[in-house]
Amino acid sequence: PAGHYPAQSAPPETMSAIFDFTSLVTVLLLLICTCAYIRDLRPTVFDREERKPGELPHQNRTGVYGFLWKMSRIGERLSPHVGASCALMAIYTLFVK
């Protein structure tokens, strides 16, 4: 009959990286490792150039660059833990997931 279409199958259940915990952890670990690596190559890449008079050096760590600077500091200070987390996440992704 005219206008009759076959039944559509349900779309596969997919989640974005924001709502899937393992993907979120993977994205955060990759962000931390990437920021630490970039900051190791260029130490002032996340620093804002200008400072207002009387402003302390840590007060210009706001916005996107401040967030990336904090991720790089986590990667520097907790590097053994971040490395172990990356290794565990790689094993989980390759063999369990």
N, C-alpha and C. Protein backbone atom coordinates (compact mmCIF):
# COMPACT_ATOMS: atom_id res chain seq x y z
N PRO A 1 0.82 -1.19 0.00
CA PRO A 1 0.00 0.00 0.00
C PRO A 1 0.87 1.26 0.00
N ALA A 2 0.30 2.30 -0.51
CA ALA A 2 1.02 3.57 -0.56
C ALA A 2 1.22 4.12 0.85
N GLY A 3 2.40 4.66 1.10
CA GLY A 3 2.68 5.25 2.41
C GLY A 3 3.08 4.25 3.46
N HIS A 4 3.20 2.97 3.10
CA HIS A 4 3.59 1.96 4.08
C HIS A 4 5.10 1.77 4.01
N TYR A 5 5.73 1.98 5.12
CA TYR A 5 7.17 1.84 5.20
C TYR A 5 7.51 0.68 6.12
N PRO A 6 8.62 -0.02 5.86
CA PRO A 6 8.99 -1.11 6.77
C PRO A 6 9.32 -0.58 8.16
N ALA A 7 9.10 -1.42 9.13
CA ALA A 7 9.38 -1.04 10.51
C ALA A 7 10.87 -0.75 10.67
N GLN A 8 11.15 0.35 11.31
CA GLN A 8 12.54 0.72 11.52
C GLN A 8 13.05 0.04 12.79
N SER A 9 14.29 -0.39 12.71
CA SER A 9 14.88 -0.99 13.91
C SER A 9 15.31 0.12 14.85
N ALA A 10 15.39 -0.21 16.10
CA ALA A 10 15.80 0.77 17.10
C ALA A 10 17.27 1.14 16.88
N PRO A 11 17.61 2.42 17.06
CA PRO A 11 19.00 2.82 16.88
C PRO A 11 19.88 2.17 17.94
N PRO A 12 21.14 1.90 17.60
CA PRO A 12 22.02 1.29 18.60
C PRO A 12 22.25 2.25 19.76
N GLU A 13 22.39 1.69 20.92
CA GLU A 13 22.61 2.51 22.11
C GLU A 13 24.06 2.94 22.15
N THR A 14 24.30 4.20 21.87
CA THR A 14 25.64 4.75 21.95
C THR A 14 25.63 5.91 22.92
N MET A 15 26.74 6.08 23.60
CA MET A 15 26.85 7.15 24.56
C MET A 15 28.03 8.04 24.18
N SER A 16 27.91 9.29 24.49
CA SER A 16 29.03 10.18 24.24
C SER A 16 30.06 9.99 25.34
N ALA A 17 31.24 10.55 25.15
CA ALA A 17 32.32 10.40 26.13
C ALA A 17 31.99 11.09 27.45
N ILE A 18 31.02 11.98 27.44
CA ILE A 18 30.67 12.67 28.68
C ILE A 18 29.90 11.75 29.62
N PHE A 19 29.07 10.88 29.07
CA PHE A 19 28.20 10.07 29.90
C PHE A 19 28.72 8.66 30.17
N ASP A 20 29.68 8.21 29.42
CA ASP A 20 30.28 6.90 29.63
C ASP A 20 31.52 7.08 30.51
N PHE A 21 31.52 6.45 31.69
CA PHE A 21 32.58 6.70 32.66
C PHE A 21 33.97 6.33 32.15
N THR A 22 34.09 5.18 31.50
CA THR A 22 35.42 4.77 31.03
C THR A 22 35.93 5.70 29.93
N SER A 23 35.04 6.17 29.08
CA SER A 23 35.46 7.12 28.05
C SER A 23 35.84 8.46 28.66
N LEU A 24 35.11 8.88 29.67
CA LEU A 24 35.43 10.12 30.36
C LEU A 24 36.80 10.03 31.01
N VAL A 25 37.10 8.93 31.68
CA VAL A 25 38.41 8.75 32.31
C VAL A 25 39.50 8.73 31.25
N THR A 26 39.25 8.08 30.12
CA THR A 26 40.23 8.04 29.04
C THR A 26 40.50 9.44 28.50
N VAL A 27 39.46 10.21 28.29
CA VAL A 27 39.64 11.57 27.77
C VAL A 27 40.40 12.43 28.77
N LEU A 28 40.09 12.32 30.05
CA LEU A 28 40.81 13.09 31.06
C LEU A 28 42.28 12.69 31.14
N LEU A 29 42.57 11.39 31.09
CA LEU A 29 43.96 10.94 31.12
C LEU A 29 44.73 11.42 29.90
N LEU A 30 44.10 11.36 28.74
CA LEU A 30 44.76 11.87 27.53
C LEU A 30 44.99 13.37 27.61
N LEU A 31 44.04 14.11 28.16
CA LEU A 31 44.20 15.55 28.32
C LEU A 31 45.33 15.87 29.29
N ILE A 32 45.41 15.16 30.40
CA ILE A 32 46.47 15.38 31.37
C ILE A 32 47.83 15.08 30.77
N CYS A 33 47.94 13.95 30.09
CA CYS A 33 49.22 13.57 29.48
C CYS A 33 49.63 14.54 28.38
N THR A 34 48.69 14.97 27.56
CA THR A 34 49.00 15.89 26.48
C THR A 34 49.43 17.25 27.02
N CYS A 35 48.73 17.76 28.01
CA CYS A 35 49.08 19.06 28.59
C CYS A 35 50.45 19.01 29.26
N ALA A 36 50.74 17.92 29.97
CA ALA A 36 52.05 17.79 30.61
C ALA A 36 53.16 17.72 29.57
N TYR A 37 52.91 17.01 28.48
CA TYR A 37 53.91 16.90 27.41
C TYR A 37 54.15 18.25 26.73
N ILE A 38 53.07 18.96 26.42
CA ILE A 38 53.21 20.27 25.78
C ILE A 38 53.92 21.24 26.70
N ARG A 39 53.59 21.22 27.98
CA ARG A 39 54.24 22.13 28.93
C ARG A 39 55.70 21.78 29.13
N ASP A 40 56.05 20.51 28.98
CA ASP A 40 57.45 20.11 29.06
C ASP A 40 58.23 20.66 27.86
N LEU A 41 57.60 20.69 26.69
CA LEU A 41 58.27 21.23 25.50
C LEU A 41 58.37 22.75 25.55
N ARG A 42 57.29 23.40 25.95
CA ARG A 42 57.24 24.87 26.01
C ARG A 42 56.67 25.28 27.36
N PRO A 43 57.52 25.57 28.35
CA PRO A 43 57.03 25.81 29.72
C PRO A 43 56.08 26.99 29.89
N THR A 44 56.14 27.97 29.01
CA THR A 44 55.28 29.14 29.20
C THR A 44 54.06 29.13 28.28
N VAL A 45 53.76 28.01 27.66
CA VAL A 45 52.67 27.99 26.68
C VAL A 45 51.31 28.27 27.30
N PHE A 46 51.07 27.90 28.54
CA PHE A 46 49.78 28.11 29.18
C PHE A 46 49.74 29.36 30.04
N ASP A 47 50.82 30.13 30.06
CA ASP A 47 50.86 31.35 30.86
C ASP A 47 50.34 32.52 30.04
N ARG A 48 49.57 33.34 30.68
CA ARG A 48 49.10 34.56 30.04
C ARG A 48 50.24 35.57 30.08
N GLU A 49 50.46 36.29 29.02
CA GLU A 49 51.60 37.20 28.93
C GLU A 49 51.48 38.40 29.86
N GLU A 50 50.36 39.08 29.82
CA GLU A 50 50.23 40.32 30.58
C GLU A 50 49.66 40.05 31.96
N ARG A 51 50.15 40.80 32.91
CA ARG A 51 49.61 40.76 34.27
C ARG A 51 49.25 42.17 34.67
N LYS A 52 48.20 42.28 35.42
CA LYS A 52 47.80 43.59 35.91
C LYS A 52 48.73 44.00 37.04
N PRO A 53 48.89 45.29 37.26
CA PRO A 53 49.76 45.73 38.37
C PRO A 53 49.26 45.21 39.70
N GLY A 54 50.17 44.64 40.47
CA GLY A 54 49.82 44.09 41.77
C GLY A 54 49.27 42.69 41.73
N GLU A 55 49.16 42.10 40.56
CA GLU A 55 48.62 40.75 40.43
C GLU A 55 49.72 39.72 40.64
N LEU A 56 49.44 38.72 41.44
CA LEU A 56 50.41 37.67 41.70
C LEU A 56 50.48 36.72 40.51
N PRO A 57 51.60 36.00 40.34
CA PRO A 57 51.73 35.12 39.16
C PRO A 57 50.65 34.05 39.06
N HIS A 58 50.16 33.53 40.19
CA HIS A 58 49.17 32.46 40.12
C HIS A 58 47.77 32.98 39.81
N GLN A 59 47.56 34.29 39.86
CA GLN A 59 46.22 34.83 39.65
C GLN A 59 45.84 34.92 38.18
N ASN A 60 46.80 34.71 37.27
CA ASN A 60 46.44 34.76 35.86
C ASN A 60 46.13 33.37 35.32
N ARG A 61 45.91 32.41 36.17
CA ARG A 61 45.59 31.05 35.76
C ARG A 61 44.08 30.84 35.78
N THR A 62 43.40 31.53 34.90
CA THR A 62 41.95 31.40 34.82
C THR A 62 41.56 31.07 33.38
N GLY A 63 40.34 30.65 33.20
CA GLY A 63 39.83 30.36 31.87
C GLY A 63 40.37 29.05 31.33
N VAL A 64 40.38 28.93 30.01
CA VAL A 64 40.81 27.70 29.34
C VAL A 64 42.30 27.45 29.60
N TYR A 65 43.11 28.50 29.47
CA TYR A 65 44.54 28.31 29.70
C TYR A 65 44.83 27.93 31.15
N GLY A 66 44.07 28.45 32.08
CA GLY A 66 44.23 28.07 33.47
C GLY A 66 43.88 26.61 33.71
N PHE A 67 42.80 26.16 33.06
CA PHE A 67 42.41 24.76 33.18
C PHE A 67 43.47 23.84 32.59
N LEU A 68 44.00 24.21 31.41
CA LEU A 68 45.05 23.40 30.79
C LEU A 68 46.33 23.41 31.62
N TRP A 69 46.64 24.56 32.24
CA TRP A 69 47.80 24.65 33.11
C TRP A 69 47.63 23.71 34.32
N LYS A 70 46.43 23.67 34.88
CA LYS A 70 46.18 22.79 36.02
C LYS A 70 46.28 21.32 35.62
N MET A 71 45.80 20.98 34.43
CA MET A 71 45.95 19.60 33.94
C MET A 71 47.42 19.24 33.77
N SER A 72 48.22 20.18 33.29
CA SER A 72 49.66 19.90 33.12
C SER A 72 50.35 19.75 34.47
N ARG A 73 49.93 20.52 35.47
CA ARG A 73 50.51 20.37 36.81
C ARG A 73 50.15 19.02 37.43
N ILE A 74 48.94 18.56 37.20
CA ILE A 74 48.55 17.24 37.67
C ILE A 74 49.43 16.19 37.02
N GLY A 75 49.67 16.33 35.71
CA GLY A 75 50.52 15.39 35.00
C GLY A 75 51.96 15.40 35.49
N GLU A 76 52.46 16.59 35.88
CA GLU A 76 53.83 16.69 36.38
C GLU A 76 53.95 16.12 37.79
N ARG A 77 53.06 16.53 38.65
CA ARG A 77 53.19 16.17 40.07
C ARG A 77 52.79 14.73 40.35
N LEU A 78 51.81 14.23 39.65
CA LEU A 78 51.32 12.87 39.89
C LEU A 78 51.70 11.93 38.75
N SER A 79 52.85 12.16 38.13
CA SER A 79 53.20 11.39 36.93
C SER A 79 53.24 9.87 37.16
N PRO A 80 53.73 9.35 38.29
CA PRO A 80 53.67 7.89 38.46
C PRO A 80 52.23 7.37 38.50
N HIS A 81 51.36 8.11 39.16
CA HIS A 81 49.96 7.69 39.26
C HIS A 81 49.25 7.82 37.92
N VAL A 82 49.55 8.90 37.20
CA VAL A 82 48.93 9.09 35.89
C VAL A 82 49.42 8.02 34.92
N GLY A 83 50.70 7.70 34.97
CA GLY A 83 51.25 6.64 34.11
C GLY A 83 50.63 5.28 34.41
N ALA A 84 50.48 4.97 35.69
CA ALA A 84 49.86 3.70 36.08
C ALA A 84 48.39 3.68 35.64
N SER A 85 47.71 4.81 35.76
CA SER A 85 46.31 4.87 35.32
C SER A 85 46.20 4.69 33.82
N CYS A 86 47.14 5.27 33.07
CA CYS A 86 47.13 5.10 31.61
C CYS A 86 47.37 3.63 31.24
N ALA A 87 48.28 2.99 31.94
CA ALA A 87 48.56 1.57 31.66
C ALA A 87 47.34 0.71 31.98
N LEU A 88 46.70 0.95 33.12
CA LEU A 88 45.50 0.19 33.48
C LEU A 88 44.36 0.43 32.50
N MET A 89 44.22 1.68 32.07
CA MET A 89 43.16 1.99 31.12
C MET A 89 43.45 1.34 29.77
N ALA A 90 44.70 1.27 29.37
CA ALA A 90 45.04 0.61 28.11
C ALA A 90 44.74 -0.89 28.18
N ILE A 91 45.07 -1.52 29.29
CA ILE A 91 44.77 -2.95 29.47
C ILE A 91 43.26 -3.17 29.45
N TYR A 92 42.53 -2.31 30.14
CA TYR A 92 41.08 -2.43 30.17
C TYR A 92 40.49 -2.27 28.76
N THR A 93 40.97 -1.26 28.04
CA THR A 93 40.44 -1.01 26.70
C THR A 93 40.76 -2.13 25.74
N LEU A 94 41.98 -2.67 25.82
CA LEU A 94 42.39 -3.71 24.87
C LEU A 94 41.77 -5.08 25.16
N PHE A 95 41.71 -5.44 26.44
CA PHE A 95 41.34 -6.81 26.77
C PHE A 95 39.96 -6.99 27.39
N VAL A 96 39.42 -5.98 28.05
CA VAL A 96 38.15 -6.14 28.73
C VAL A 96 37.00 -5.56 27.90
N LYS A 97 37.17 -4.39 27.40
CA LYS A 97 36.08 -3.68 26.71
C LYS A 97 35.80 -4.24 25.36
